[in-house]
């Protein structure tokens, strides 16, 4: 999962979120998720590339805020990575 550190307008649709994802992270990678937060950090959108296409999910937090890093040098961060070999432990 990748986190964009700059806010995204929550009125944005799939095409705008995809364009922002490409500008921040380069290209859409299959089986990766890209998280965007609103300016107030109380709403988020997740753009997922599933190797067939992309889908966009939105969520409003009932309380609290997302805590976003404010690193001026970085527009996007890898926040979670999991590699699975298909076996369960």
C-alpha atoms as a PDB file:
ATOM      1  CA  UNK A   1       0.000   0.000   0.000  1.00  0.00           C
ATOM      2  CA  UNK A   2       1.296   3.395  -0.990  1.00  0.00           C
ATOM      3  CA  UNK A   3       0.409   6.643   0.798  1.00  0.00           C
ATOM      4  CA  UNK A   4       0.251   9.983  -0.989  1.00  0.00           C
ATOM      5  CA  UNK A   5       1.400  12.709   1.402  1.00  0.00           C
ATOM      6  CA  UNK A   6      -0.363  15.516  -0.482  1.00  0.00           C
ATOM      7  CA  UNK A   7      -4.159  15.800  -0.058  1.00  0.00           C
ATOM      8  CA  UNK A   8      -6.609  14.844  -2.792  1.00  0.00           C
ATOM      9  CA  UNK A   9      -9.898  16.611  -3.434  1.00  0.00           C
ATOM     10  CA  UNK A  10     -12.500  14.081  -2.278  1.00  0.00           C
ATOM     11  CA  UNK A  11     -14.852  15.104  -5.110  1.00  0.00           C
ATOM     12  CA  UNK A  12     -12.319  13.537  -7.495  1.00  0.00           C
ATOM     13  CA  UNK A  13     -13.372  10.467  -9.401  1.00  0.00           C
ATOM     14  CA  UNK A  14     -11.425   7.473 -10.633  1.00  0.00           C
ATOM     15  CA  UNK A  15      -9.771   9.245 -13.569  1.00  0.00           C
ATOM     16  CA  UNK A  16      -8.516  12.164 -11.448  1.00  0.00           C
ATOM     17  CA  UNK A  17      -7.261   9.843  -8.695  1.00  0.00           C
ATOM     18  CA  UNK A  18      -5.527   7.700 -11.326  1.00  0.00           C
ATOM     19  CA  UNK A  19      -3.859  10.775 -12.849  1.00  0.00           C
ATOM     20  CA  UNK A  20      -2.663  11.865  -9.389  1.00  0.00           C
ATOM     21  CA  UNK A  21      -1.380   8.358  -8.682  1.00  0.00           C
ATOM     22  CA  UNK A  22       0.629   8.350 -11.919  1.00  0.00           C
ATOM     23  CA  UNK A  23       2.078  11.800 -11.183  1.00  0.00           C
ATOM     24  CA  UNK A  24       3.091  10.815  -7.636  1.00  0.00           C
ATOM     25  CA  UNK A  25       4.106   7.149  -7.981  1.00  0.00           C
ATOM     26  CA  UNK A  26       4.964   6.753 -11.668  1.00  0.00           C
ATOM     27  CA  UNK A  27       2.797   3.962 -13.041  1.00  0.00           C
ATOM     28  CA  UNK A  28      -0.024   1.804 -11.727  1.00  0.00           C
ATOM     29  CA  UNK A  29       1.365  -1.490 -10.483  1.00  0.00           C
ATOM     30  CA  UNK A  30      -0.899  -4.560 -10.463  1.00  0.00           C
ATOM     31  CA  UNK A  31      -2.044  -5.664  -7.014  1.00  0.00           C
ATOM     32  CA  UNK A  32      -1.011  -2.387  -5.370  1.00  0.00           C
ATOM     33  CA  UNK A  33      -3.223   0.033  -3.448  1.00  0.00           C
ATOM     34  CA  UNK A  34      -2.761   3.794  -3.282  1.00  0.00           C
ATOM     35  CA  UNK A  35      -4.172   5.752  -0.340  1.00  0.00           C
ATOM     36  CA  UNK A  36      -5.144   9.421  -0.610  1.00  0.00           C
ATOM     37  CA  UNK A  37      -6.442  11.595   2.241  1.00  0.00           C
ATOM     38  CA  UNK A  38      -8.478  14.790   2.245  1.00  0.00           C
ATOM     39  CA  UNK A  39      -7.003  18.102   3.343  1.00  0.00           C
ATOM     40  CA  UNK A  40      -8.678  17.743   6.768  1.00  0.00           C
ATOM     41  CA  UNK A  41      -7.487  14.098   6.943  1.00  0.00           C
ATOM     42  CA  UNK A  42     -10.952  12.879   7.955  1.00  0.00           C
ATOM     43  CA  UNK A  43     -11.721  11.215   4.602  1.00  0.00           C
ATOM     44  CA  UNK A  44      -9.718   8.867   2.437  1.00  0.00           C
ATOM     45  CA  UNK A  45      -9.848   7.218  -0.954  1.00  0.00           C
ATOM     46  CA  UNK A  46      -8.081   4.044  -1.961  1.00  0.00           C
ATOM     47  CA  UNK A  47      -7.263   3.364  -5.598  1.00  0.00           C
ATOM     48  CA  UNK A  48      -6.523  -0.305  -6.332  1.00  0.00           C
ATOM     49  CA  UNK A  49      -5.082  -1.770  -9.521  1.00  0.00           C
ATOM     50  CA  UNK A  50      -6.186  -5.419  -9.780  1.00  0.00           C
ATOM     51  CA  UNK A  51      -4.372  -6.235 -13.079  1.00  0.00           C
ATOM     52  CA  UNK A  52      -7.677  -6.031 -14.979  1.00  0.00           C
ATOM     53  CA  UNK A  53      -8.520  -2.433 -14.168  1.00  0.00           C
ATOM     54  CA  UNK A  54      -8.739   0.012 -11.286  1.00  0.00           C
ATOM     55  CA  UNK A  55     -11.356   0.604  -8.623  1.00  0.00           C
ATOM     56  CA  UNK A  56     -11.804   3.451  -6.171  1.00  0.00           C
ATOM     57  CA  UNK A  57     -13.192   3.209  -2.634  1.00  0.00           C
ATOM     58  CA  UNK A  58     -14.011   6.117  -0.314  1.00  0.00           C
ATOM     59  CA  UNK A  59     -14.302   6.247   3.466  1.00  0.00           C
ATOM     60  CA  UNK A  60     -15.217   8.992   5.939  1.00  0.00           C
ATOM     61  CA  UNK A  61     -13.833   8.600   9.441  1.00  0.00           C
ATOM     62  CA  UNK A  62     -16.503   8.985  12.147  1.00  0.00           C
ATOM     63  CA  UNK A  63     -13.986  10.376  14.600  1.00  0.00           C
ATOM     64  CA  UNK A  64     -10.328  11.267  14.621  1.00  0.00           C
ATOM     65  CA  UNK A  65      -7.987  11.954  11.734  1.00  0.00           C
ATOM     66  CA  UNK A  66      -5.385  10.198   9.683  1.00  0.00           C
ATOM     67  CA  UNK A  67      -1.881  11.231  10.698  1.00  0.00           C
ATOM     68  CA  UNK A  68       0.017  11.984   7.514  1.00  0.00           C
ATOM     69  CA  UNK A  69       3.776  12.530   7.313  1.00  0.00           C
ATOM     70  CA  UNK A  70       4.684  16.037   6.229  1.00  0.00           C
ATOM     71  CA  UNK A  71       7.984  15.283   4.512  1.00  0.00           C
ATOM     72  CA  UNK A  72       8.564  17.997   1.921  1.00  0.00           C
ATOM     73  CA  UNK A  73      10.999  15.782   0.003  1.00  0.00           C
ATOM     74  CA  UNK A  74       8.508  12.963  -0.563  1.00  0.00           C
ATOM     75  CA  UNK A  75       5.132  13.020  -2.317  1.00  0.00           C
ATOM     76  CA  UNK A  76       4.475   9.319  -1.733  1.00  0.00           C
ATOM     77  CA  UNK A  77       5.594   6.605   0.652  1.00  0.00           C
ATOM     78  CA  UNK A  78       5.416   2.829   0.776  1.00  0.00           C
ATOM     79  CA  UNK A  79       3.570   2.221   4.046  1.00  0.00           C
ATOM     80  CA  UNK A  80       2.812  -1.490   3.884  1.00  0.00           C
ATOM     81  CA  UNK A  81       4.234  -4.344   1.880  1.00  0.00           C
ATOM     82  CA  UNK A  82       3.443  -8.033   2.122  1.00  0.00           C
ATOM     83  CA  UNK A  83       4.793 -10.825   0.000  1.00  0.00           C
ATOM     84  CA  UNK A  84       2.924 -14.098  -0.028  1.00  0.00           C
ATOM     85  CA  UNK A  85       4.078 -17.387  -1.471  1.00  0.00           C
ATOM     86  CA  UNK A  86       0.558 -18.788  -1.352  1.00  0.00           C
ATOM     87  CA  UNK A  87       1.043 -20.845   1.804  1.00  0.00           C
ATOM     88  CA  UNK A  88      -0.620 -20.165   5.112  1.00  0.00           C
ATOM     89  CA  UNK A  89       1.148 -20.410   8.425  1.00  0.00           C
END
